[in-house]
N, C-alpha and C. Protein backbone atom coordinates (compact mmCIF):
# COMPACT_ATOMS: atom_id res chain seq x y z
N MET A 1 80.06 108.45 104.15
CA MET A 1 79.13 107.41 104.45
C MET A 1 79.51 106.17 103.70
N LYS A 2 79.77 106.30 102.44
CA LYS A 2 80.16 105.12 101.53
C LYS A 2 81.50 104.51 102.05
N ASN A 3 82.41 105.29 102.43
CA ASN A 3 83.68 104.69 103.00
C ASN A 3 83.52 103.96 104.30
N ARG A 4 82.56 104.50 105.01
CA ARG A 4 82.45 103.88 106.32
C ARG A 4 81.62 102.51 106.19
N ILE A 5 80.71 102.40 105.23
CA ILE A 5 80.10 101.15 104.93
C ILE A 5 81.08 100.16 104.32
N ASN A 6 81.88 100.65 103.36
CA ASN A 6 82.93 99.75 102.89
C ASN A 6 83.77 99.22 104.06
N LEU A 7 84.24 100.14 104.91
CA LEU A 7 85.16 99.69 106.01
C LEU A 7 84.48 98.63 106.92
N LEU A 8 83.18 98.90 107.30
CA LEU A 8 82.44 98.00 108.11
C LEU A 8 82.25 96.49 107.41
N THR A 9 81.99 96.70 106.14
CA THR A 9 81.73 95.52 105.33
C THR A 9 83.08 94.65 105.27
N ALA A 10 84.16 95.41 105.07
CA ALA A 10 85.44 94.77 104.97
C ALA A 10 85.89 94.05 106.23
N PHE A 11 85.60 94.80 107.43
CA PHE A 11 85.95 94.15 108.68
C PHE A 11 85.16 92.91 108.96
N GLY A 12 83.81 92.96 108.60
CA GLY A 12 82.93 91.85 108.76
C GLY A 12 83.41 90.65 107.96
N GLU A 13 83.73 90.88 106.72
CA GLU A 13 84.13 89.76 105.78
C GLU A 13 85.56 89.29 106.34
N ALA A 14 86.35 90.02 106.89
CA ALA A 14 87.71 89.69 107.28
C ALA A 14 87.57 88.88 108.63
N ALA A 15 86.63 89.19 109.39
CA ALA A 15 86.42 88.71 110.78
C ALA A 15 86.06 87.21 110.74
N ILE A 16 85.15 86.85 109.73
CA ILE A 16 84.72 85.53 109.79
C ILE A 16 85.74 84.45 109.49
N PRO A 17 86.57 84.59 108.43
CA PRO A 17 87.76 83.61 108.21
C PRO A 17 88.78 83.66 109.36
N LEU A 18 89.06 84.83 109.89
CA LEU A 18 90.03 84.90 110.96
C LEU A 18 89.59 84.18 112.22
N ILE A 19 88.29 84.39 112.62
CA ILE A 19 87.69 83.64 113.66
C ILE A 19 87.80 82.10 113.45
N GLY A 20 87.40 81.84 112.17
CA GLY A 20 87.42 80.38 111.85
C GLY A 20 88.91 79.85 111.96
N LEU A 21 89.80 80.52 111.44
CA LEU A 21 91.26 80.03 111.58
C LEU A 21 91.75 80.11 112.95
N LEU A 22 91.44 80.94 113.83
CA LEU A 22 91.99 81.06 115.21
C LEU A 22 91.24 80.11 116.17
N PHE A 23 89.93 79.96 116.03
CA PHE A 23 89.10 79.28 117.02
C PHE A 23 88.51 78.00 116.60
N PHE A 24 88.30 77.71 115.26
CA PHE A 24 87.56 76.63 114.73
C PHE A 24 88.45 75.75 113.87
N ASP A 25 89.66 76.05 113.64
CA ASP A 25 90.60 75.19 112.88
C ASP A 25 90.16 75.08 111.50
N TRP A 26 89.68 76.16 110.92
CA TRP A 26 89.41 76.24 109.50
C TRP A 26 90.67 76.19 108.64
N GLY A 27 90.66 75.45 107.58
CA GLY A 27 91.80 75.43 106.74
C GLY A 27 91.79 76.29 105.59
N LEU A 28 92.73 76.31 104.69
CA LEU A 28 92.83 77.27 103.61
C LEU A 28 91.67 77.03 102.65
N TYR A 29 91.48 75.87 102.29
CA TYR A 29 90.33 75.57 101.31
C TYR A 29 89.05 75.86 101.82
N PHE A 30 88.73 75.60 103.12
CA PHE A 30 87.55 75.89 103.66
C PHE A 30 87.29 77.41 103.69
N ILE A 31 88.32 78.17 103.98
CA ILE A 31 88.09 79.63 103.92
C ILE A 31 87.89 80.15 102.45
N LEU A 32 88.64 79.48 101.51
CA LEU A 32 88.50 79.89 100.09
C LEU A 32 87.05 79.62 99.72
N LEU A 33 86.44 78.49 100.15
CA LEU A 33 84.96 78.24 99.79
C LEU A 33 84.05 79.33 100.14
N PHE A 34 84.38 79.86 101.43
CA PHE A 34 83.58 80.99 101.89
C PHE A 34 83.73 82.24 100.88
N TYR A 35 85.01 82.47 100.47
CA TYR A 35 85.17 83.58 99.51
C TYR A 35 84.65 83.22 98.19
N PHE A 36 84.65 81.92 97.80
CA PHE A 36 84.01 81.64 96.40
C PHE A 36 82.50 82.01 96.40
N ILE A 37 81.87 81.78 97.47
CA ILE A 37 80.48 82.16 97.56
C ILE A 37 80.31 83.66 97.41
N ASP A 38 81.07 84.40 98.14
CA ASP A 38 81.11 85.80 98.00
C ASP A 38 81.42 86.32 96.58
N LEU A 39 82.37 85.73 95.91
CA LEU A 39 82.87 86.08 94.62
C LEU A 39 81.76 85.91 93.58
N LEU A 40 80.92 84.86 93.64
CA LEU A 40 79.94 84.48 92.74
C LEU A 40 78.64 85.45 93.03
N ALA A 41 78.39 85.72 94.35
CA ALA A 41 77.32 86.72 94.65
C ALA A 41 77.65 88.01 94.06
N ALA A 42 78.78 88.44 94.28
CA ALA A 42 79.39 89.73 93.78
C ALA A 42 79.29 89.82 92.26
N GLU A 43 79.52 88.75 91.63
CA GLU A 43 79.44 88.77 90.22
C GLU A 43 77.97 88.96 89.72
N VAL A 44 77.14 88.19 90.36
CA VAL A 44 75.65 88.46 90.01
C VAL A 44 75.15 89.84 90.28
N PHE A 45 75.64 90.49 91.41
CA PHE A 45 75.15 91.79 91.71
C PHE A 45 75.88 92.88 90.70
N SER A 46 77.07 92.50 90.18
CA SER A 46 77.60 93.26 89.12
C SER A 46 76.72 93.50 87.91
N TYR A 47 76.17 92.32 87.56
CA TYR A 47 75.25 92.23 86.29
C TYR A 47 73.99 93.14 86.68
N ILE A 48 73.49 92.96 88.00
CA ILE A 48 72.26 93.81 88.29
C ILE A 48 72.67 95.25 88.27
N LYS A 49 73.78 95.63 88.78
CA LYS A 49 74.19 97.11 88.96
C LYS A 49 74.26 97.57 87.37
N VAL A 50 74.91 96.88 86.60
CA VAL A 50 75.10 97.41 85.27
C VAL A 50 73.69 97.51 84.46
N ASN A 51 72.82 96.57 84.66
CA ASN A 51 71.57 96.58 84.04
C ASN A 51 70.63 97.72 84.62
N LYS A 52 70.80 97.95 85.83
CA LYS A 52 70.05 99.10 86.56
C LYS A 52 70.55 100.29 86.00
N THR A 53 71.76 100.44 85.84
CA THR A 53 72.39 101.78 85.43
C THR A 53 71.87 102.02 83.85
N ILE A 54 71.92 101.03 83.13
CA ILE A 54 71.64 101.25 81.72
C ILE A 54 70.14 101.43 81.50
N ARG A 55 69.29 100.84 82.31
CA ARG A 55 67.80 101.08 82.27
C ARG A 55 67.47 102.48 82.70
N TYR A 56 67.99 102.94 83.78
CA TYR A 56 67.80 104.34 84.29
C TYR A 56 68.17 105.38 83.33
N GLN A 57 69.50 105.19 82.96
CA GLN A 57 70.05 106.23 82.06
C GLN A 57 69.56 106.18 80.61
N ARG A 58 68.80 105.14 80.33
CA ARG A 58 68.09 104.92 78.99
C ARG A 58 69.19 104.99 77.87
N LEU A 59 70.26 104.13 78.11
CA LEU A 59 71.32 104.10 77.10
C LEU A 59 70.97 103.14 75.91
N LYS A 60 71.35 103.52 74.81
CA LYS A 60 71.06 102.80 73.59
C LYS A 60 72.37 102.35 72.98
N PHE A 61 72.51 100.96 72.85
CA PHE A 61 73.66 100.53 72.21
C PHE A 61 73.34 99.03 72.03
N PRO A 62 74.13 98.25 71.07
CA PRO A 62 73.91 96.83 70.93
C PRO A 62 73.97 96.01 72.34
N PHE A 63 73.07 95.20 72.44
CA PHE A 63 72.98 94.40 73.65
C PHE A 63 74.34 93.54 73.74
N SER A 64 75.00 93.12 72.67
CA SER A 64 76.17 92.32 72.70
C SER A 64 77.32 93.14 73.27
N ALA A 65 77.31 94.47 73.13
CA ALA A 65 78.36 95.24 73.73
C ALA A 65 78.39 95.07 75.30
N ARG A 66 77.26 95.12 75.93
CA ARG A 66 77.13 95.04 77.37
C ARG A 66 77.52 93.72 77.63
N GLN A 67 76.86 92.67 77.14
CA GLN A 67 77.08 91.20 77.46
C GLN A 67 78.51 90.77 77.33
N GLY A 68 79.11 91.24 76.17
CA GLY A 68 80.49 91.02 75.92
C GLY A 68 81.48 91.34 77.02
N ARG A 69 81.27 92.66 77.45
CA ARG A 69 82.16 93.09 78.45
C ARG A 69 81.97 92.39 79.83
N LEU A 70 80.63 92.11 80.16
CA LEU A 70 80.44 91.32 81.40
C LEU A 70 80.86 89.91 81.34
N LEU A 71 80.77 89.25 80.14
CA LEU A 71 81.32 87.94 80.00
C LEU A 71 82.76 87.83 80.22
N ILE A 72 83.42 88.87 79.86
CA ILE A 72 84.92 88.88 80.14
C ILE A 72 85.20 88.69 81.62
N ASN A 73 84.45 89.47 82.36
CA ASN A 73 84.51 89.48 84.01
C ASN A 73 84.19 88.06 84.40
N THR A 74 83.16 87.57 83.87
CA THR A 74 82.54 86.23 84.29
C THR A 74 83.75 85.11 83.99
N SER A 75 84.32 85.40 82.80
CA SER A 75 85.43 84.37 82.41
C SER A 75 86.48 84.47 83.48
N LEU A 76 86.84 85.72 83.95
CA LEU A 76 87.93 85.89 84.90
C LEU A 76 87.49 85.18 86.23
N VAL A 77 86.16 85.29 86.53
CA VAL A 77 85.76 84.58 87.78
C VAL A 77 85.94 83.08 87.68
N LEU A 78 85.57 82.61 86.55
CA LEU A 78 85.80 81.08 86.34
C LEU A 78 87.32 80.84 86.38
N LEU A 79 88.23 81.48 85.75
CA LEU A 79 89.57 81.27 85.93
C LEU A 79 90.07 81.46 87.29
N ILE A 80 89.57 82.33 88.19
CA ILE A 80 89.92 82.43 89.48
C ILE A 80 89.62 81.10 90.19
N LEU A 81 88.27 80.69 90.00
CA LEU A 81 87.90 79.37 90.64
C LEU A 81 88.83 78.32 90.17
N VAL A 82 89.18 78.11 88.90
CA VAL A 82 90.04 77.05 88.50
C VAL A 82 91.35 77.08 89.07
N PHE A 83 91.98 78.30 88.89
CA PHE A 83 93.30 78.49 89.31
C PHE A 83 93.59 78.43 90.86
N SER A 84 92.57 78.86 91.52
CA SER A 84 92.57 78.74 93.03
C SER A 84 92.75 77.20 93.52
N HIS A 85 91.94 76.42 92.77
CA HIS A 85 92.05 74.96 93.04
C HIS A 85 93.43 74.50 92.71
N VAL A 86 94.04 74.95 91.56
CA VAL A 86 95.39 74.39 91.18
C VAL A 86 96.36 74.88 92.39
N ALA A 87 96.20 76.12 92.75
CA ALA A 87 97.13 76.64 93.89
C ALA A 87 96.87 75.73 95.09
N VAL A 88 95.70 75.48 95.52
CA VAL A 88 95.44 74.73 96.73
C VAL A 88 96.08 73.35 96.64
N TYR A 89 95.96 72.78 95.39
CA TYR A 89 96.58 71.45 95.17
C TYR A 89 98.11 71.40 95.35
N PHE A 90 98.77 72.49 94.90
CA PHE A 90 100.20 72.55 95.09
C PHE A 90 100.55 72.88 96.60
N ILE A 91 99.66 73.58 97.15
CA ILE A 91 99.98 73.91 98.70
C ILE A 91 99.57 72.73 99.55
N THR A 92 98.66 72.05 99.38
CA THR A 92 98.19 70.85 100.10
C THR A 92 97.96 69.72 99.14
N PRO A 93 99.00 69.03 98.71
CA PRO A 93 98.83 67.98 97.60
C PRO A 93 97.93 66.86 97.99
N ASN A 94 97.76 66.49 99.26
CA ASN A 94 96.96 65.38 99.71
C ASN A 94 95.49 65.77 99.85
N ILE A 95 95.03 66.94 99.48
CA ILE A 95 93.66 67.40 99.66
C ILE A 95 92.70 66.61 98.75
N HIS A 96 91.59 66.42 99.24
CA HIS A 96 90.40 65.72 98.53
C HIS A 96 89.35 66.76 98.41
N PHE A 97 89.23 67.41 97.16
CA PHE A 97 88.34 68.51 97.07
C PHE A 97 86.91 68.22 97.39
N LEU A 98 86.41 67.04 96.94
CA LEU A 98 85.00 66.66 97.12
C LEU A 98 84.72 66.57 98.61
N SER A 99 85.51 65.84 99.30
CA SER A 99 85.41 65.63 100.73
C SER A 99 85.39 66.99 101.53
N GLU A 100 86.36 67.89 101.14
CA GLU A 100 86.39 69.17 101.84
C GLU A 100 85.08 69.95 101.51
N LEU A 101 84.58 69.92 100.38
CA LEU A 101 83.39 70.56 100.04
C LEU A 101 82.16 70.08 100.85
N ILE A 102 82.06 68.74 101.03
CA ILE A 102 81.04 68.07 101.70
C ILE A 102 81.13 68.61 103.21
N GLN A 103 82.44 68.60 103.78
CA GLN A 103 82.59 68.98 105.14
C GLN A 103 82.21 70.50 105.29
N PHE A 104 82.51 71.19 104.25
CA PHE A 104 82.08 72.74 104.34
C PHE A 104 80.56 72.88 104.42
N VAL A 105 79.88 72.14 103.58
CA VAL A 105 78.41 72.21 103.61
C VAL A 105 77.69 71.67 104.82
N GLN A 106 78.31 70.64 105.34
CA GLN A 106 77.70 70.00 106.51
C GLN A 106 78.44 70.40 107.87
N TYR A 107 79.23 71.41 107.81
CA TYR A 107 79.93 71.97 109.03
C TYR A 107 78.90 72.40 110.04
N GLU A 108 79.06 72.06 111.28
CA GLU A 108 78.28 72.43 112.33
C GLU A 108 78.98 72.84 113.57
N GLU A 109 78.32 73.79 114.41
CA GLU A 109 78.99 74.30 115.62
C GLU A 109 77.91 74.10 116.64
N ALA A 110 78.46 73.81 117.90
CA ALA A 110 77.52 73.64 119.02
C ALA A 110 76.52 74.78 119.34
N GLY A 111 75.34 74.43 119.51
CA GLY A 111 74.25 75.42 119.69
C GLY A 111 73.56 75.76 118.44
N ILE A 112 74.04 75.42 117.31
CA ILE A 112 73.41 75.80 116.07
C ILE A 112 72.79 74.43 115.49
N PRO A 113 71.50 74.35 115.27
CA PRO A 113 70.88 73.03 114.97
C PRO A 113 70.98 72.64 113.57
N ILE A 114 71.49 73.56 112.65
CA ILE A 114 71.49 72.99 111.23
C ILE A 114 72.95 73.31 110.79
N PRO A 115 73.46 72.64 109.67
CA PRO A 115 74.84 72.84 109.15
C PRO A 115 75.01 74.17 108.78
N GLN A 116 76.11 74.86 109.10
CA GLN A 116 76.35 76.25 108.71
C GLN A 116 76.48 76.39 107.23
N GLY A 117 76.78 75.36 106.44
CA GLY A 117 76.92 75.45 105.06
C GLY A 117 75.59 76.07 104.38
N TYR A 118 74.51 75.59 105.02
CA TYR A 118 73.28 75.98 104.52
C TYR A 118 72.89 77.32 104.81
N LEU A 119 73.47 77.92 105.75
CA LEU A 119 73.29 79.40 106.24
C LEU A 119 74.21 80.30 105.51
N LEU A 120 75.37 79.92 105.17
CA LEU A 120 76.33 80.86 104.60
C LEU A 120 75.93 81.44 103.32
N VAL A 121 75.34 80.65 102.36
CA VAL A 121 74.94 81.13 101.10
C VAL A 121 73.93 82.31 101.15
N PRO A 122 72.87 82.08 101.94
CA PRO A 122 71.82 83.18 102.07
C PRO A 122 72.40 84.41 102.75
N LEU A 123 73.38 84.08 103.74
CA LEU A 123 73.94 85.17 104.49
C LEU A 123 74.76 86.07 103.62
N VAL A 124 75.76 85.43 102.77
CA VAL A 124 76.54 86.09 101.98
C VAL A 124 75.64 86.89 100.73
N VAL A 125 74.67 86.26 100.29
CA VAL A 125 73.89 86.99 99.33
C VAL A 125 73.17 88.22 99.93
N PHE A 126 72.65 87.94 101.11
CA PHE A 126 71.97 89.12 101.84
C PHE A 126 72.96 90.26 102.11
N GLY A 127 74.25 89.89 102.42
CA GLY A 127 75.24 90.94 102.67
C GLY A 127 75.52 91.70 101.41
N ASN A 128 75.62 91.06 100.29
CA ASN A 128 75.82 91.72 98.89
C ASN A 128 74.64 92.54 98.61
N PHE A 129 73.41 92.02 98.92
CA PHE A 129 72.14 92.75 98.60
C PHE A 129 72.09 94.12 99.50
N GLN A 130 72.52 93.92 100.73
CA GLN A 130 72.56 95.15 101.59
C GLN A 130 73.48 96.23 100.98
N GLN A 131 74.62 95.77 100.73
CA GLN A 131 75.58 96.58 100.15
C GLN A 131 75.13 97.26 98.85
N TYR A 132 74.45 96.47 98.14
CA TYR A 132 73.93 97.04 96.79
C TYR A 132 72.89 98.08 97.02
N LYS A 133 72.10 97.84 97.99
CA LYS A 133 71.05 98.79 98.33
C LYS A 133 71.54 100.10 98.96
N LEU A 134 72.53 99.99 99.86
CA LEU A 134 73.05 101.06 100.52
C LEU A 134 73.98 101.90 99.65
N THR A 135 74.81 101.26 98.96
CA THR A 135 75.90 101.96 98.31
C THR A 135 75.69 102.23 96.83
N PHE A 136 74.63 101.62 96.29
CA PHE A 136 74.30 101.80 94.90
C PHE A 136 72.97 102.44 94.66
N ILE A 137 71.95 101.94 95.35
CA ILE A 137 70.66 102.43 95.13
C ILE A 137 70.36 103.74 95.96
N ARG A 138 70.47 103.63 97.32
CA ARG A 138 70.16 104.71 98.19
C ARG A 138 71.16 105.95 98.01
N SER A 139 72.34 105.72 97.44
CA SER A 139 73.27 106.73 97.20
C SER A 139 73.04 107.32 95.87
N ASN A 140 72.08 106.76 94.99
CA ASN A 140 71.72 107.28 93.67
C ASN A 140 72.99 107.06 92.78
N ALA A 141 73.80 106.19 92.96
CA ALA A 141 75.00 106.00 92.20
C ALA A 141 74.58 105.52 90.84
N TYR A 142 73.49 104.71 90.59
CA TYR A 142 73.16 104.26 89.27
C TYR A 142 72.69 105.46 88.39
N LYS A 143 72.37 106.56 88.95
CA LYS A 143 71.84 107.72 88.12
C LYS A 143 73.00 108.38 87.35
N ILE A 144 74.28 108.29 87.80
CA ILE A 144 75.33 109.02 87.35
C ILE A 144 76.53 108.20 86.98
N VAL A 145 76.73 107.02 87.47
CA VAL A 145 77.92 106.10 87.30
C VAL A 145 77.88 105.71 85.86
N SER A 146 79.10 105.44 85.31
CA SER A 146 79.27 104.84 83.94
C SER A 146 79.21 103.40 84.15
N TRP A 147 78.36 102.77 83.27
CA TRP A 147 78.22 101.34 83.33
C TRP A 147 79.50 100.62 82.85
N LYS A 148 80.26 101.23 81.90
CA LYS A 148 81.57 100.70 81.41
C LYS A 148 82.57 100.75 82.64
N ASN A 149 82.57 101.89 83.45
CA ASN A 149 83.48 101.84 84.58
C ASN A 149 83.23 100.87 85.63
N LEU A 150 81.93 100.58 85.85
CA LEU A 150 81.49 99.58 86.71
C LEU A 150 82.19 98.23 86.35
N ILE A 151 82.09 97.89 85.01
CA ILE A 151 82.57 96.63 84.67
C ILE A 151 84.17 96.67 84.71
N LEU A 152 84.74 97.78 84.21
CA LEU A 152 86.18 97.75 84.21
C LEU A 152 86.82 97.87 85.60
N SER A 153 86.17 98.56 86.55
CA SER A 153 86.67 98.67 87.88
C SER A 153 86.61 97.12 88.60
N ARG A 154 85.49 96.43 88.25
CA ARG A 154 85.40 95.10 88.82
C ARG A 154 86.56 94.22 88.18
N ARG A 155 86.68 94.49 86.91
CA ARG A 155 87.76 93.63 86.24
C ARG A 155 89.14 93.86 86.77
N LYS A 156 89.39 95.01 87.33
CA LYS A 156 90.69 95.26 87.89
C LYS A 156 90.74 94.41 89.16
N TYR A 157 89.73 94.30 90.03
CA TYR A 157 89.87 93.57 91.32
C TYR A 157 89.92 92.09 90.86
N LEU A 158 89.29 91.67 89.86
CA LEU A 158 89.17 90.22 89.51
C LEU A 158 90.74 89.94 89.00
N SER A 159 91.24 90.88 88.28
CA SER A 159 92.70 90.59 87.85
C SER A 159 93.65 90.48 89.03
N ILE A 160 93.46 91.22 90.07
CA ILE A 160 94.29 91.10 91.20
C ILE A 160 94.16 89.75 91.84
N ALA A 161 92.94 89.30 91.90
CA ALA A 161 92.64 87.96 92.50
C ALA A 161 93.33 86.89 91.70
N LEU A 162 93.17 87.01 90.28
CA LEU A 162 93.86 86.02 89.38
C LEU A 162 95.32 86.00 89.55
N LEU A 163 95.89 87.19 89.63
CA LEU A 163 97.35 87.27 89.94
C LEU A 163 97.74 86.60 91.19
N GLY A 164 96.87 86.71 92.26
CA GLY A 164 97.08 85.99 93.52
C GLY A 164 97.12 84.57 93.32
N CYS A 165 96.23 84.03 92.54
CA CYS A 165 96.19 82.59 92.22
C CYS A 165 97.44 82.09 91.66
N PHE A 166 98.09 82.85 90.73
CA PHE A 166 99.35 82.38 90.03
C PHE A 166 100.43 82.46 91.05
N ILE A 167 100.47 83.54 91.94
CA ILE A 167 101.52 83.64 92.97
C ILE A 167 101.43 82.45 93.93
N GLY A 168 100.14 82.08 94.25
CA GLY A 168 99.97 80.83 95.12
C GLY A 168 100.53 79.63 94.43
N ILE A 169 100.28 79.53 93.14
CA ILE A 169 100.71 78.32 92.41
C ILE A 169 102.23 78.26 92.52
N LEU A 170 102.92 79.43 92.14
CA LEU A 170 104.38 79.39 92.11
C LEU A 170 104.97 79.16 93.50
N LEU A 171 104.33 79.72 94.49
CA LEU A 171 104.81 79.55 95.82
C LEU A 171 104.67 78.03 96.30
N GLY A 172 103.44 77.44 96.01
CA GLY A 172 103.17 76.17 96.37
C GLY A 172 104.05 75.03 95.69
N MET A 173 104.42 75.41 94.50
CA MET A 173 105.31 74.48 93.62
C MET A 173 106.64 74.48 94.23
N PHE A 174 107.27 75.55 94.71
CA PHE A 174 108.63 75.72 95.03
C PHE A 174 109.00 75.80 96.49
N PHE A 175 107.99 76.22 97.35
CA PHE A 175 108.27 76.48 98.72
C PHE A 175 107.29 75.84 99.66
N PHE A 176 107.76 75.51 100.91
CA PHE A 176 106.69 75.06 101.94
C PHE A 176 106.49 76.29 102.78
N ILE A 177 105.28 76.67 102.64
CA ILE A 177 104.79 77.79 103.53
C ILE A 177 103.50 77.36 104.31
N PRO A 178 103.53 77.55 105.54
CA PRO A 178 102.21 77.11 106.29
C PRO A 178 100.99 77.70 105.82
N GLU A 179 99.91 76.91 105.92
CA GLU A 179 98.66 77.45 105.31
C GLU A 179 98.09 78.74 105.90
N TYR A 180 98.44 78.92 107.15
CA TYR A 180 97.89 80.21 107.84
C TYR A 180 98.54 81.45 107.24
N ILE A 181 99.69 81.39 106.72
CA ILE A 181 100.43 82.43 106.11
C ILE A 181 99.58 82.84 104.86
N TYR A 182 99.23 81.67 104.11
CA TYR A 182 98.41 82.05 102.81
C TYR A 182 96.99 82.62 103.19
N ILE A 183 96.54 82.14 104.33
CA ILE A 183 95.13 82.60 104.77
C ILE A 183 95.25 84.17 105.25
N LEU A 184 96.34 84.43 105.92
CA LEU A 184 96.45 85.89 106.33
C LEU A 184 96.63 86.76 105.13
N PHE A 185 97.46 86.27 104.24
CA PHE A 185 97.77 87.11 102.96
C PHE A 185 96.42 87.21 102.20
N ILE A 186 95.64 86.18 101.98
CA ILE A 186 94.34 86.41 101.23
C ILE A 186 93.41 87.33 102.05
N VAL A 187 93.23 87.16 103.25
CA VAL A 187 92.38 87.94 104.05
C VAL A 187 92.83 89.41 104.03
N SER A 188 93.98 89.70 104.11
CA SER A 188 94.58 90.98 104.09
C SER A 188 94.31 91.67 102.67
N ILE A 189 94.61 91.04 101.59
CA ILE A 189 94.33 91.52 100.32
C ILE A 189 92.87 91.87 100.06
N LYS A 190 92.10 90.79 100.44
CA LYS A 190 90.66 91.11 100.35
C LYS A 190 90.15 92.32 101.08
N PHE A 191 90.58 92.44 102.39
CA PHE A 191 90.25 93.49 103.18
C PHE A 191 90.58 94.76 102.54
N TYR A 192 91.84 94.86 102.03
CA TYR A 192 92.37 96.17 101.43
C TYR A 192 91.46 96.55 100.22
N ILE A 193 91.09 95.49 99.38
CA ILE A 193 90.22 95.74 98.20
C ILE A 193 88.92 96.27 98.58
N ASP A 194 88.28 95.57 99.64
CA ASP A 194 86.90 95.91 99.92
C ASP A 194 86.84 97.29 100.77
N ALA A 195 87.92 97.53 101.53
CA ALA A 195 87.89 98.76 102.26
C ALA A 195 88.36 100.03 101.52
N PHE A 196 89.26 99.89 100.65
CA PHE A 196 89.95 101.09 100.03
C PHE A 196 89.90 101.07 98.51
N LEU A 197 89.65 100.07 97.86
CA LEU A 197 89.80 100.08 96.39
C LEU A 197 88.36 100.07 95.64
N ILE A 198 87.44 99.37 96.33
CA ILE A 198 86.10 99.30 95.74
C ILE A 198 85.34 100.66 95.78
N LYS A 199 84.86 101.15 94.73
CA LYS A 199 84.24 102.40 94.70
C LYS A 199 82.88 102.30 94.01
N VAL A 200 81.96 103.11 94.57
CA VAL A 200 80.58 103.14 93.96
C VAL A 200 80.75 104.09 92.83
N PHE A 201 81.48 104.95 92.76
CA PHE A 201 81.62 105.90 91.58
C PHE A 201 82.98 105.72 91.08
N PRO A 202 83.28 104.75 90.09
CA PRO A 202 84.54 104.53 89.66
C PRO A 202 85.02 105.70 88.79
């Protein structure tokens, strides 16, 4: 059941940027902004998962021990955001980040009366919430999972993403590679992580 949910979620998250790339001319930074929203939402829910696990299992230890480990992950998230922008700058040197961000927020499609940017945030948050309810609460994972393993397993995925940022920087500095190649690579790695590496019981 858990593997099926992971697979369906991974397909859903991969389909949105691929459809945008193929049919709506979404660029690399536009798609990265979509993933940034998901990254931040997942980070918030990682805190929720850890706190839920600790409260249910009635674990006793210094508060700083939990927060310190979580803050390392949050620091990795911030580094990913920073170095992703550095990578995009080398890949597309003429990019204007603020203009791209405004276009993302105000992006509209025919037949939808409001900018999709205002819809994406609640949709991504809702998707993370549904995954949390199905794979963490209803499966009773919080009753037996190790809170430390929750943090360390997420740290592993964040480290993969950060490594991808550095690879993007190096490639962007020395080679000309079309944006769609980067997009396909990012979507493929994200799909693999979501479908096969993310575990409820690390």
